[in-house]
N, C-alpha and C. Protein backbone atom coordinates (compact mmCIF):
# COMPACT_ATOMS: atom_id res chain seq x y z
N MET A 1 0.83 -1.20 0.00
CA MET A 1 0.00 0.00 0.00
C MET A 1 0.87 1.25 0.00
N LYS A 2 0.27 2.34 -0.48
CA LYS A 2 0.96 3.62 -0.42
C LYS A 2 -0.08 4.75 -0.42
N ILE A 3 0.38 5.94 -0.05
CA ILE A 3 -0.46 7.12 -0.14
C ILE A 3 -0.54 7.56 -1.59
N LEU A 4 -1.73 7.48 -2.15
CA LEU A 4 -1.91 7.89 -3.54
C LEU A 4 -2.05 9.40 -3.66
N ALA A 5 -2.72 10.02 -2.68
CA ALA A 5 -2.92 11.47 -2.72
C ALA A 5 -3.13 12.00 -1.31
N VAL A 6 -2.65 13.22 -1.08
CA VAL A 6 -2.90 13.98 0.16
C VAL A 6 -3.65 15.24 -0.26
N CYS A 7 -4.80 15.49 0.35
CA CYS A 7 -5.66 16.59 -0.09
C CYS A 7 -6.02 17.51 1.07
N THR A 8 -5.98 18.80 0.79
CA THR A 8 -6.42 19.81 1.75
C THR A 8 -7.34 20.79 1.02
N GLY A 9 -8.03 21.61 1.80
CA GLY A 9 -8.95 22.56 1.19
C GLY A 9 -9.07 23.84 1.99
N SER A 10 -9.68 24.84 1.37
CA SER A 10 -9.97 26.11 2.02
C SER A 10 -11.49 26.26 2.11
N ALA A 11 -11.95 27.27 2.84
CA ALA A 11 -13.38 27.51 2.97
C ALA A 11 -13.93 28.11 1.69
N GLU A 12 -14.94 27.46 1.13
CA GLU A 12 -15.58 27.95 -0.09
C GLU A 12 -17.10 27.88 0.06
N ILE A 13 -17.80 28.70 -0.68
CA ILE A 13 -19.25 28.71 -0.65
C ILE A 13 -19.79 27.78 -1.73
N LEU A 14 -20.67 26.89 -1.32
CA LEU A 14 -21.31 25.99 -2.29
C LEU A 14 -22.24 26.78 -3.20
N PRO A 15 -22.31 26.41 -4.47
CA PRO A 15 -23.25 27.07 -5.39
C PRO A 15 -24.68 26.99 -4.85
N GLY A 16 -25.35 28.13 -4.80
CA GLY A 16 -26.72 28.17 -4.34
C GLY A 16 -26.89 28.19 -2.83
N LYS A 17 -25.77 28.18 -2.09
CA LYS A 17 -25.83 28.19 -0.63
C LYS A 17 -25.18 29.47 -0.10
N SER A 18 -25.41 29.74 1.18
CA SER A 18 -24.84 30.94 1.78
C SER A 18 -23.71 30.63 2.75
N TYR A 19 -23.53 29.35 3.09
CA TYR A 19 -22.52 29.00 4.08
C TYR A 19 -21.24 28.49 3.41
N ARG A 20 -20.17 28.57 4.16
CA ARG A 20 -18.89 28.10 3.67
C ARG A 20 -18.65 26.66 4.13
N THR A 21 -17.95 25.91 3.32
CA THR A 21 -17.65 24.52 3.62
C THR A 21 -16.20 24.22 3.26
N GLY A 22 -15.66 23.24 3.95
CA GLY A 22 -14.29 22.80 3.65
C GLY A 22 -14.26 21.54 2.81
N ILE A 23 -15.39 21.17 2.18
CA ILE A 23 -15.46 19.91 1.44
C ILE A 23 -14.63 19.93 0.16
N PHE A 24 -14.31 21.12 -0.34
CA PHE A 24 -13.54 21.21 -1.59
C PHE A 24 -12.06 20.96 -1.31
N LYS A 25 -11.64 19.71 -1.43
CA LYS A 25 -10.24 19.34 -1.20
C LYS A 25 -9.52 19.13 -2.54
N HIS A 26 -8.23 19.41 -2.53
CA HIS A 26 -7.42 19.26 -3.74
C HIS A 26 -6.07 18.64 -3.38
N PRO A 27 -5.55 17.76 -4.24
CA PRO A 27 -4.25 17.14 -3.95
C PRO A 27 -3.14 18.18 -3.88
N VAL A 28 -2.20 17.94 -2.98
CA VAL A 28 -1.03 18.80 -2.84
C VAL A 28 0.22 17.95 -3.06
N ASP A 29 1.24 18.57 -3.61
CA ASP A 29 2.48 17.85 -3.91
C ASP A 29 3.43 17.79 -2.73
N ALA A 30 3.42 18.82 -1.91
CA ALA A 30 4.36 18.89 -0.79
C ALA A 30 3.89 18.03 0.37
N GLY A 31 4.79 17.75 1.29
CA GLY A 31 4.42 17.04 2.51
C GLY A 31 3.51 17.89 3.36
N VAL A 32 2.60 17.24 4.09
CA VAL A 32 1.64 17.93 4.97
C VAL A 32 1.76 17.34 6.37
N MET A 33 1.83 18.21 7.35
CA MET A 33 1.87 17.77 8.74
C MET A 33 0.49 17.32 9.19
N ILE A 34 0.42 16.15 9.82
CA ILE A 34 -0.81 15.67 10.42
C ILE A 34 -0.60 15.62 11.93
N ASP A 35 -1.47 16.32 12.67
CA ASP A 35 -1.43 16.23 14.12
C ASP A 35 -2.76 15.67 14.61
N ARG A 36 -3.00 15.71 15.91
CA ARG A 36 -4.19 15.06 16.46
C ARG A 36 -5.50 15.69 16.00
N GLU A 37 -5.45 16.90 15.44
CA GLU A 37 -6.65 17.56 14.94
C GLU A 37 -6.81 17.42 13.43
N GLY A 38 -5.84 16.79 12.76
CA GLY A 38 -5.95 16.59 11.33
C GLY A 38 -4.80 17.17 10.54
N LEU A 39 -5.04 17.48 9.28
CA LEU A 39 -4.00 18.00 8.41
C LEU A 39 -3.84 19.51 8.66
N VAL A 40 -2.64 19.91 8.99
CA VAL A 40 -2.37 21.31 9.28
C VAL A 40 -2.59 22.13 8.00
N GLY A 41 -3.40 23.19 8.12
CA GLY A 41 -3.71 24.03 6.97
C GLY A 41 -5.00 23.65 6.27
N ASP A 42 -5.57 22.50 6.61
CA ASP A 42 -6.84 22.09 6.00
C ASP A 42 -7.98 22.78 6.73
N ARG A 43 -8.96 23.28 6.00
CA ARG A 43 -10.05 24.04 6.61
C ARG A 43 -11.25 23.13 6.89
N ILE A 44 -11.74 23.20 8.12
CA ILE A 44 -12.96 22.52 8.53
C ILE A 44 -13.89 23.58 9.06
N CYS A 45 -15.05 23.74 8.44
CA CYS A 45 -15.96 24.84 8.78
C CYS A 45 -17.02 24.44 9.81
N ASN A 46 -17.57 23.25 9.67
CA ASN A 46 -18.65 22.81 10.56
C ASN A 46 -18.09 21.81 11.57
N ARG A 47 -17.60 22.34 12.68
CA ARG A 47 -16.95 21.47 13.66
C ARG A 47 -17.92 20.70 14.54
N LYS A 48 -19.21 20.99 14.40
CA LYS A 48 -20.19 20.19 15.12
C LYS A 48 -20.24 18.78 14.56
N HIS A 49 -20.09 18.65 13.25
CA HIS A 49 -20.22 17.34 12.60
C HIS A 49 -18.94 16.85 11.95
N HIS A 50 -17.95 17.71 11.84
CA HIS A 50 -16.71 17.32 11.16
C HIS A 50 -15.49 17.68 12.00
N GLY A 51 -14.43 16.97 11.78
CA GLY A 51 -13.19 17.26 12.47
C GLY A 51 -13.18 16.74 13.90
N GLY A 52 -12.19 17.17 14.66
CA GLY A 52 -12.01 16.69 16.02
C GLY A 52 -11.11 15.48 16.05
N PRO A 53 -10.62 15.11 17.22
CA PRO A 53 -9.64 14.02 17.33
C PRO A 53 -10.07 12.69 16.73
N ASP A 54 -11.37 12.37 16.80
CA ASP A 54 -11.82 11.07 16.27
C ASP A 54 -12.26 11.13 14.82
N GLN A 55 -12.23 12.32 14.22
CA GLN A 55 -12.47 12.49 12.79
C GLN A 55 -11.39 13.38 12.22
N ALA A 56 -10.17 13.14 12.66
CA ALA A 56 -9.06 14.02 12.27
C ALA A 56 -8.71 13.89 10.80
N VAL A 57 -8.84 12.67 10.26
CA VAL A 57 -8.47 12.40 8.87
C VAL A 57 -9.58 11.58 8.23
N TYR A 58 -10.00 12.01 7.04
CA TYR A 58 -10.97 11.24 6.27
C TYR A 58 -10.26 10.62 5.07
N ALA A 59 -10.33 9.30 4.97
CA ALA A 59 -9.60 8.58 3.92
C ALA A 59 -10.54 7.74 3.06
N LEU A 60 -10.12 7.57 1.82
CA LEU A 60 -10.75 6.65 0.88
C LEU A 60 -9.70 5.66 0.40
N GLY A 61 -10.17 4.48 0.00
CA GLY A 61 -9.28 3.56 -0.68
C GLY A 61 -9.31 3.82 -2.17
N SER A 62 -8.22 3.47 -2.85
CA SER A 62 -8.21 3.63 -4.31
C SER A 62 -9.32 2.81 -4.96
N ALA A 63 -9.69 1.68 -4.33
CA ALA A 63 -10.79 0.86 -4.87
C ALA A 63 -12.11 1.62 -4.83
N ASP A 64 -12.30 2.44 -3.80
CA ASP A 64 -13.52 3.24 -3.69
C ASP A 64 -13.57 4.29 -4.80
N LEU A 65 -12.45 4.99 -4.97
CA LEU A 65 -12.40 6.04 -5.99
C LEU A 65 -12.57 5.45 -7.39
N ASP A 66 -11.96 4.30 -7.64
CA ASP A 66 -12.10 3.65 -8.95
C ASP A 66 -13.55 3.21 -9.19
N TRP A 67 -14.19 2.68 -8.15
CA TRP A 67 -15.58 2.22 -8.28
C TRP A 67 -16.49 3.39 -8.61
N TRP A 68 -16.32 4.50 -7.89
CA TRP A 68 -17.16 5.66 -8.14
C TRP A 68 -16.90 6.26 -9.52
N SER A 69 -15.67 6.19 -9.99
CA SER A 69 -15.38 6.67 -11.34
C SER A 69 -16.18 5.89 -12.38
N LYS A 70 -16.24 4.57 -12.21
CA LYS A 70 -17.02 3.74 -13.12
C LYS A 70 -18.51 3.99 -12.95
N GLU A 71 -18.95 4.14 -11.71
CA GLU A 71 -20.36 4.35 -11.43
C GLU A 71 -20.86 5.66 -12.01
N LEU A 72 -20.04 6.71 -11.93
CA LEU A 72 -20.46 8.03 -12.40
C LEU A 72 -20.03 8.31 -13.84
N GLY A 73 -19.25 7.40 -14.42
CA GLY A 73 -18.87 7.54 -15.82
C GLY A 73 -17.85 8.61 -16.11
N ARG A 74 -17.03 8.94 -15.14
CA ARG A 74 -15.97 9.93 -15.35
C ARG A 74 -14.86 9.68 -14.34
N VAL A 75 -13.68 10.10 -14.68
CA VAL A 75 -12.54 9.91 -13.78
C VAL A 75 -12.64 10.91 -12.64
N LEU A 76 -12.74 10.41 -11.41
CA LEU A 76 -12.85 11.27 -10.24
C LEU A 76 -11.47 11.56 -9.67
N GLN A 77 -11.25 12.81 -9.32
CA GLN A 77 -9.99 13.21 -8.75
C GLN A 77 -10.01 13.06 -7.23
N PRO A 78 -8.89 12.70 -6.62
CA PRO A 78 -8.81 12.68 -5.15
C PRO A 78 -9.27 14.01 -4.57
N GLY A 79 -10.00 13.94 -3.47
CA GLY A 79 -10.49 15.13 -2.80
C GLY A 79 -11.93 15.48 -3.13
N LEU A 80 -12.50 14.86 -4.16
CA LEU A 80 -13.85 15.23 -4.60
C LEU A 80 -14.88 15.05 -3.49
N PHE A 81 -14.76 13.99 -2.70
CA PHE A 81 -15.72 13.71 -1.64
C PHE A 81 -15.32 14.37 -0.32
N GLY A 82 -14.31 15.22 -0.35
CA GLY A 82 -13.82 15.84 0.88
C GLY A 82 -12.77 15.01 1.58
N ASP A 83 -12.24 14.00 0.88
CA ASP A 83 -11.25 13.12 1.46
C ASP A 83 -9.89 13.81 1.59
N ASN A 84 -9.21 13.49 2.69
CA ASN A 84 -7.86 14.00 2.94
C ASN A 84 -6.78 13.09 2.37
N LEU A 85 -7.04 11.79 2.42
CA LEU A 85 -6.07 10.81 1.92
C LEU A 85 -6.77 9.82 1.01
N VAL A 86 -6.07 9.40 -0.03
CA VAL A 86 -6.47 8.24 -0.81
C VAL A 86 -5.35 7.22 -0.67
N ILE A 87 -5.71 6.03 -0.18
CA ILE A 87 -4.71 4.99 0.08
C ILE A 87 -4.80 3.93 -1.01
N ASP A 88 -3.75 3.83 -1.78
CA ASP A 88 -3.71 2.86 -2.87
C ASP A 88 -3.72 1.45 -2.31
N GLY A 89 -4.61 0.62 -2.81
CA GLY A 89 -4.72 -0.76 -2.37
C GLY A 89 -5.74 -0.98 -1.27
N ALA A 90 -6.39 0.08 -0.78
CA ALA A 90 -7.40 -0.05 0.26
C ALA A 90 -8.79 -0.03 -0.34
N ASP A 91 -9.73 -0.66 0.35
CA ASP A 91 -11.13 -0.75 -0.07
C ASP A 91 -11.97 -0.59 1.19
N SER A 92 -12.76 0.48 1.29
CA SER A 92 -13.47 0.75 2.55
C SER A 92 -14.50 -0.31 2.89
N ARG A 93 -14.91 -1.14 1.94
CA ARG A 93 -15.84 -2.21 2.25
C ARG A 93 -15.24 -3.24 3.20
N THR A 94 -13.92 -3.35 3.23
CA THR A 94 -13.25 -4.35 4.05
C THR A 94 -12.55 -3.76 5.27
N ILE A 95 -12.71 -2.45 5.47
CA ILE A 95 -12.03 -1.77 6.58
C ILE A 95 -12.91 -1.82 7.82
N SER A 96 -12.30 -2.09 8.98
CA SER A 96 -13.00 -2.17 10.26
C SER A 96 -12.51 -1.08 11.21
N VAL A 97 -13.39 -0.69 12.11
CA VAL A 97 -12.95 0.13 13.23
C VAL A 97 -11.77 -0.58 13.91
N GLY A 98 -10.75 0.19 14.25
CA GLY A 98 -9.57 -0.38 14.90
C GLY A 98 -8.45 -0.75 13.96
N ASP A 99 -8.75 -0.84 12.66
CA ASP A 99 -7.67 -1.06 11.70
C ASP A 99 -6.71 0.14 11.75
N ARG A 100 -5.44 -0.13 11.50
CA ARG A 100 -4.45 0.94 11.55
C ARG A 100 -3.66 1.02 10.24
N PHE A 101 -3.35 2.25 9.86
CA PHE A 101 -2.53 2.53 8.69
C PHE A 101 -1.34 3.35 9.15
N ALA A 102 -0.14 2.90 8.81
CA ALA A 102 1.06 3.58 9.28
C ALA A 102 2.03 3.83 8.14
N THR A 103 2.55 5.05 8.10
CA THR A 103 3.70 5.36 7.26
C THR A 103 4.91 5.40 8.18
N GLU A 104 6.04 5.77 7.65
CA GLU A 104 7.23 5.87 8.50
C GLU A 104 7.04 6.94 9.57
N ALA A 105 6.21 7.97 9.28
CA ALA A 105 6.08 9.11 10.19
C ALA A 105 4.76 9.16 10.96
N VAL A 106 3.69 8.58 10.42
CA VAL A 106 2.35 8.77 10.94
C VAL A 106 1.65 7.45 11.17
N GLU A 107 0.81 7.38 12.21
CA GLU A 107 -0.03 6.20 12.42
C GLU A 107 -1.47 6.65 12.66
N LEU A 108 -2.40 6.03 11.92
CA LEU A 108 -3.81 6.36 11.99
C LEU A 108 -4.60 5.14 12.44
N GLU A 109 -5.69 5.37 13.19
CA GLU A 109 -6.58 4.30 13.63
C GLU A 109 -8.00 4.62 13.20
N VAL A 110 -8.65 3.69 12.54
CA VAL A 110 -10.01 3.89 12.03
C VAL A 110 -11.00 3.94 13.19
N THR A 111 -11.91 4.94 13.14
CA THR A 111 -12.89 5.12 14.20
C THR A 111 -14.33 4.99 13.74
N SER A 112 -14.61 5.33 12.48
CA SER A 112 -16.01 5.35 12.04
C SER A 112 -16.09 5.50 10.52
N ALA A 113 -17.29 5.24 10.01
CA ALA A 113 -17.57 5.45 8.60
C ALA A 113 -18.00 6.89 8.36
N ARG A 114 -17.84 7.34 7.13
CA ARG A 114 -18.34 8.66 6.76
C ARG A 114 -19.85 8.55 6.47
N ILE A 115 -20.64 9.40 7.12
CA ILE A 115 -22.07 9.43 6.90
C ILE A 115 -22.37 10.55 5.91
N PRO A 116 -23.01 10.26 4.78
CA PRO A 116 -23.25 11.30 3.77
C PRO A 116 -24.25 12.34 4.28
N CYS A 117 -24.09 13.57 3.79
CA CYS A 117 -24.92 14.67 4.26
C CYS A 117 -25.35 15.54 3.08
N ALA A 118 -26.14 16.58 3.38
CA ALA A 118 -26.64 17.48 2.34
C ALA A 118 -25.50 18.23 1.66
N THR A 119 -24.43 18.51 2.41
CA THR A 119 -23.29 19.21 1.81
C THR A 119 -22.65 18.37 0.72
N LEU A 120 -22.51 17.06 0.96
CA LEU A 120 -21.96 16.18 -0.07
C LEU A 120 -22.87 16.17 -1.29
N ALA A 121 -24.18 16.10 -1.07
CA ALA A 121 -25.12 16.10 -2.19
C ALA A 121 -25.00 17.39 -3.01
N SER A 122 -24.87 18.52 -2.32
CA SER A 122 -24.70 19.80 -3.02
C SER A 122 -23.39 19.84 -3.76
N ARG A 123 -22.35 19.32 -3.15
CA ARG A 123 -21.03 19.27 -3.80
C ARG A 123 -21.10 18.49 -5.10
N MET A 124 -21.89 17.41 -5.11
CA MET A 124 -21.99 16.56 -6.29
C MET A 124 -23.06 17.05 -7.27
N GLY A 125 -23.80 18.09 -6.88
CA GLY A 125 -24.84 18.62 -7.77
C GLY A 125 -26.00 17.68 -7.98
N ASP A 126 -26.28 16.84 -6.95
CA ASP A 126 -27.33 15.84 -7.06
C ASP A 126 -28.06 15.75 -5.71
N PRO A 127 -29.30 16.24 -5.61
CA PRO A 127 -30.02 16.21 -4.34
C PRO A 127 -30.17 14.81 -3.74
N GLY A 128 -30.13 13.79 -4.58
CA GLY A 128 -30.29 12.43 -4.10
C GLY A 128 -28.98 11.70 -3.85
N PHE A 129 -27.86 12.43 -3.93
CA PHE A 129 -26.58 11.73 -3.88
C PHE A 129 -26.29 11.14 -2.50
N ALA A 130 -26.77 11.76 -1.44
CA ALA A 130 -26.51 11.20 -0.10
C ALA A 130 -27.09 9.80 0.00
N ARG A 131 -28.30 9.61 -0.50
CA ARG A 131 -28.91 8.27 -0.47
C ARG A 131 -28.14 7.32 -1.38
N ARG A 132 -27.71 7.81 -2.51
CA ARG A 132 -26.95 6.97 -3.44
C ARG A 132 -25.61 6.56 -2.83
N PHE A 133 -24.98 7.48 -2.15
CA PHE A 133 -23.71 7.21 -1.48
C PHE A 133 -23.90 6.15 -0.39
N ALA A 134 -24.98 6.28 0.37
CA ALA A 134 -25.25 5.32 1.44
C ALA A 134 -25.51 3.92 0.87
N ARG A 135 -26.29 3.86 -0.21
CA ARG A 135 -26.60 2.55 -0.80
C ARG A 135 -25.36 1.86 -1.35
N ALA A 136 -24.39 2.64 -1.80
CA ALA A 136 -23.18 2.06 -2.40
C ALA A 136 -22.34 1.29 -1.39
N GLY A 137 -22.41 1.65 -0.12
CA GLY A 137 -21.67 0.93 0.91
C GLY A 137 -20.17 1.11 0.82
N ARG A 138 -19.74 2.22 0.27
CA ARG A 138 -18.31 2.53 0.16
C ARG A 138 -18.07 3.91 0.78
N PRO A 139 -18.21 4.01 2.11
CA PRO A 139 -18.24 5.33 2.73
C PRO A 139 -16.89 5.97 3.01
N GLY A 140 -15.80 5.23 2.81
CA GLY A 140 -14.53 5.74 3.29
C GLY A 140 -14.48 5.60 4.81
N PHE A 141 -13.45 6.15 5.42
CA PHE A 141 -13.30 5.93 6.86
C PHE A 141 -12.58 7.10 7.53
N TYR A 142 -13.11 7.47 8.71
CA TYR A 142 -12.48 8.49 9.54
C TYR A 142 -11.45 7.82 10.45
N CYS A 143 -10.41 8.58 10.75
CA CYS A 143 -9.33 8.07 11.60
C CYS A 143 -8.94 9.07 12.67
N ARG A 144 -8.50 8.54 13.80
CA ARG A 144 -7.80 9.35 14.79
C ARG A 144 -6.31 9.20 14.54
N VAL A 145 -5.54 10.15 15.00
CA VAL A 145 -4.09 10.15 14.78
C VAL A 145 -3.39 9.66 16.04
N LEU A 146 -2.71 8.54 15.92
CA LEU A 146 -1.97 7.98 17.05
C LEU A 146 -0.53 8.47 17.10
N LYS A 147 -0.02 8.85 15.94
CA LYS A 147 1.36 9.36 15.85
C LYS A 147 1.39 10.50 14.85
N ASP A 148 1.82 11.68 15.30
CA ASP A 148 1.90 12.86 14.45
C ASP A 148 3.09 12.77 13.51
N GLY A 149 2.97 13.42 12.37
CA GLY A 149 4.09 13.48 11.45
C GLY A 149 3.68 14.04 10.11
N VAL A 150 4.61 14.02 9.18
CA VAL A 150 4.39 14.56 7.84
C VAL A 150 4.12 13.42 6.87
N VAL A 151 3.09 13.59 6.03
CA VAL A 151 2.80 12.61 4.98
C VAL A 151 2.85 13.29 3.62
N LYS A 152 3.13 12.51 2.62
CA LYS A 152 3.11 13.02 1.24
C LYS A 152 2.73 11.89 0.31
N ALA A 153 2.25 12.25 -0.86
CA ALA A 153 1.91 11.24 -1.86
C ALA A 153 3.13 10.39 -2.17
N GLY A 154 2.92 9.08 -2.25
CA GLY A 154 4.01 8.16 -2.53
C GLY A 154 4.54 7.45 -1.31
N ASP A 155 4.21 7.94 -0.11
CA ASP A 155 4.68 7.28 1.11
C ASP A 155 4.14 5.86 1.19
N ALA A 156 5.01 4.92 1.56
CA ALA A 156 4.58 3.54 1.77
C ALA A 156 3.70 3.45 3.01
N VAL A 157 2.69 2.58 2.96
CA VAL A 157 1.74 2.40 4.06
C VAL A 157 1.73 0.94 4.49
N THR A 158 1.80 0.74 5.80
CA THR A 158 1.65 -0.59 6.37
C THR A 158 0.27 -0.69 7.00
N TYR A 159 -0.44 -1.77 6.70
CA TYR A 159 -1.79 -1.98 7.20
C TYR A 159 -1.78 -3.02 8.31
N HIS A 160 -2.43 -2.67 9.44
CA HIS A 160 -2.55 -3.60 10.57
C HIS A 160 -4.03 -3.80 10.86
N ALA A 161 -4.54 -4.99 10.65
CA ALA A 161 -5.95 -5.28 10.86
C ALA A 161 -6.27 -5.34 12.35
N TYR A 162 -7.45 -4.86 12.71
CA TYR A 162 -7.93 -4.95 14.09
C TYR A 162 -8.07 -6.42 14.47
N THR A 163 -7.64 -6.76 15.69
CA THR A 163 -7.62 -8.17 16.09
C THR A 163 -8.90 -8.61 16.80
N GLY A 164 -9.77 -7.66 17.15
CA GLY A 164 -11.03 -8.02 17.79
C GLY A 164 -12.11 -8.32 16.78
N LEU A 165 -13.34 -8.47 17.25
CA LEU A 165 -14.47 -8.69 16.34
C LEU A 165 -14.69 -7.45 15.50
N PRO A 166 -14.76 -7.58 14.18
CA PRO A 166 -14.78 -6.40 13.32
C PRO A 166 -16.11 -5.66 13.32
N VAL A 167 -16.02 -4.34 13.16
CA VAL A 167 -17.16 -3.48 12.86
C VAL A 167 -16.81 -2.81 11.54
N LEU A 168 -17.34 -3.35 10.45
CA LEU A 168 -16.95 -2.90 9.12
C LEU A 168 -17.64 -1.58 8.74
N MET A 169 -17.00 -0.84 7.85
CA MET A 169 -17.53 0.45 7.44
C MET A 169 -18.93 0.37 6.83
N PRO A 170 -19.22 -0.56 5.91
CA PRO A 170 -20.58 -0.64 5.38
C PRO A 170 -21.62 -0.91 6.46
N GLU A 171 -21.24 -1.72 7.46
CA GLU A 171 -22.17 -2.01 8.56
C GLU A 171 -22.45 -0.75 9.38
N MET A 172 -21.41 0.03 9.67
CA MET A 172 -21.61 1.26 10.43
C MET A 172 -22.54 2.21 9.68
N LEU A 173 -22.35 2.28 8.38
CA LEU A 173 -23.19 3.14 7.55
C LEU A 173 -24.64 2.65 7.58
N GLU A 174 -24.82 1.35 7.45
CA GLU A 174 -26.17 0.78 7.40
C GLU A 174 -26.90 0.91 8.73
N THR A 175 -26.19 0.82 9.85
CA THR A 175 -26.83 0.85 11.17
C THR A 175 -26.90 2.24 11.77
N PHE A 176 -26.41 3.25 11.06
CA PHE A 176 -26.42 4.62 11.60
C PHE A 176 -27.84 5.05 11.96
N GLY A 177 -28.01 5.48 13.20
CA GLY A 177 -29.32 5.94 13.66
C GLY A 177 -30.29 4.85 14.03
N ARG A 178 -29.86 3.60 13.95
CA ARG A 178 -30.75 2.49 14.27
C ARG A 178 -30.37 1.89 15.62
N ASN A 179 -31.31 1.20 16.23
CA ASN A 179 -31.02 0.49 17.47
C ASN A 179 -30.27 -0.80 17.16
N LEU A 180 -29.25 -1.08 17.95
CA LEU A 180 -28.46 -2.29 17.77
C LEU A 180 -28.95 -3.38 18.71
N SER A 181 -28.76 -4.61 18.30
CA SER A 181 -29.02 -5.73 19.21
C SER A 181 -28.00 -5.67 20.35
N GLY A 182 -28.28 -6.36 21.44
CA GLY A 182 -27.35 -6.38 22.55
C GLY A 182 -25.99 -6.91 22.15
N GLU A 183 -25.97 -7.93 21.30
CA GLU A 183 -24.71 -8.52 20.84
C GLU A 183 -23.91 -7.53 19.99
N ASP A 184 -24.61 -6.86 19.07
CA ASP A 184 -23.92 -5.89 18.22
C ASP A 184 -23.45 -4.68 19.03
N ARG A 185 -24.25 -4.25 19.97
CA ARG A 185 -23.87 -3.12 20.82
C ARG A 185 -22.58 -3.45 21.58
N SER A 186 -22.50 -4.64 22.13
CA SER A 186 -21.28 -5.05 22.85
C SER A 186 -20.08 -5.10 21.92
N ARG A 187 -20.30 -5.57 20.69
CA ARG A 187 -19.20 -5.64 19.72
C ARG A 187 -18.73 -4.25 19.34
N TYR A 188 -19.65 -3.34 19.13
CA TYR A 188 -19.27 -1.96 18.81
C TYR A 188 -18.47 -1.34 19.96
N LEU A 189 -18.95 -1.53 21.19
CA LEU A 189 -18.29 -0.90 22.33
C LEU A 189 -16.93 -1.51 22.63
N ALA A 190 -16.72 -2.74 22.18
CA ALA A 190 -15.40 -3.38 22.39
C ALA A 190 -14.36 -2.83 21.44
N ALA A 191 -14.81 -2.20 20.34
CA ALA A 191 -13.90 -1.63 19.35
C ALA A 191 -13.63 -0.15 19.67
N PRO A 192 -12.53 0.41 19.15
CA PRO A 192 -12.20 1.82 19.42
C PRO A 192 -13.00 2.79 18.56
N ILE A 193 -14.33 2.76 18.73
CA ILE A 193 -15.23 3.57 17.92
C ILE A 193 -15.13 5.05 18.27
N HIS A 194 -15.67 5.88 17.39
CA HIS A 194 -15.76 7.33 17.58
C HIS A 194 -16.40 7.63 18.94
N HIS A 195 -15.87 8.61 19.66
CA HIS A 195 -16.34 8.87 21.03
C HIS A 195 -17.81 9.28 21.09
N LYS A 196 -18.33 9.93 20.05
CA LYS A 196 -19.74 10.32 20.07
C LYS A 196 -20.65 9.10 19.98
N LEU A 197 -20.28 8.15 19.14
CA LEU A 197 -21.06 6.92 19.04
C LEU A 197 -20.94 6.12 20.33
N ARG A 198 -19.76 6.10 20.93
CA ARG A 198 -19.58 5.39 22.19
C ARG A 198 -20.48 5.99 23.28
N ALA A 199 -20.52 7.31 23.36
CA ALA A 199 -21.35 7.97 24.36
C ALA A 199 -22.83 7.64 24.15
N LYS A 200 -23.25 7.61 22.88
CA LYS A 200 -24.64 7.29 22.59
C LYS A 200 -24.97 5.86 23.00
N LEU A 201 -24.08 4.93 22.66
CA LEU A 201 -24.35 3.52 22.96
C LEU A 201 -24.29 3.22 24.45
N THR A 202 -23.44 3.92 25.18
CA THR A 202 -23.35 3.67 26.63
C THR A 202 -24.48 4.33 27.40
N SER A 203 -25.17 5.26 26.78
CA SER A 203 -26.29 5.93 27.46
C SER A 203 -27.61 5.22 27.25
N MET A 204 -27.61 4.23 26.39
CA MET A 204 -28.85 3.50 26.09
C MET A 204 -29.16 2.47 27.16
């Protein structure tokens, strides 16, 4: 595996909207520092739903980007979905909470799936795209940063699979907002899930 692209963005206004968003990401050639809050210099506008230590980095696998290119009939560039990293050789359908991706300088741990929203639909120019994205089951994955450092396109990546019972990204997407069985709830809580989901599940 390797880092195929590193993407950052600035605050921009969506067409037809009045608010600014950081969803417009673009690949950068230089190395970018990643700390516990994410990529230094990357803009996150809505911190209620985006960013923070457990959503510091949003990544896609190259398999996800390739699939969407075929699905939409055009070559998609890294950053289109607001992704910070594209990891060559990864496929979000097989990624679990607790999986780790490490370069020589940085280590990331998967915490949750990306849940599509109205901003993504507006970005894609399709009011129904959030539902389409959810049905596809290729949500990408949010990560917390376990080790700070600089990453750049071309960096080699080592993948370490979570050793506990898996909580896969498509499953997290499918069960979002739904009640879990007692068995599934225990499995989710045993994994290093996003702190907001953990708080919700422990309060039930």
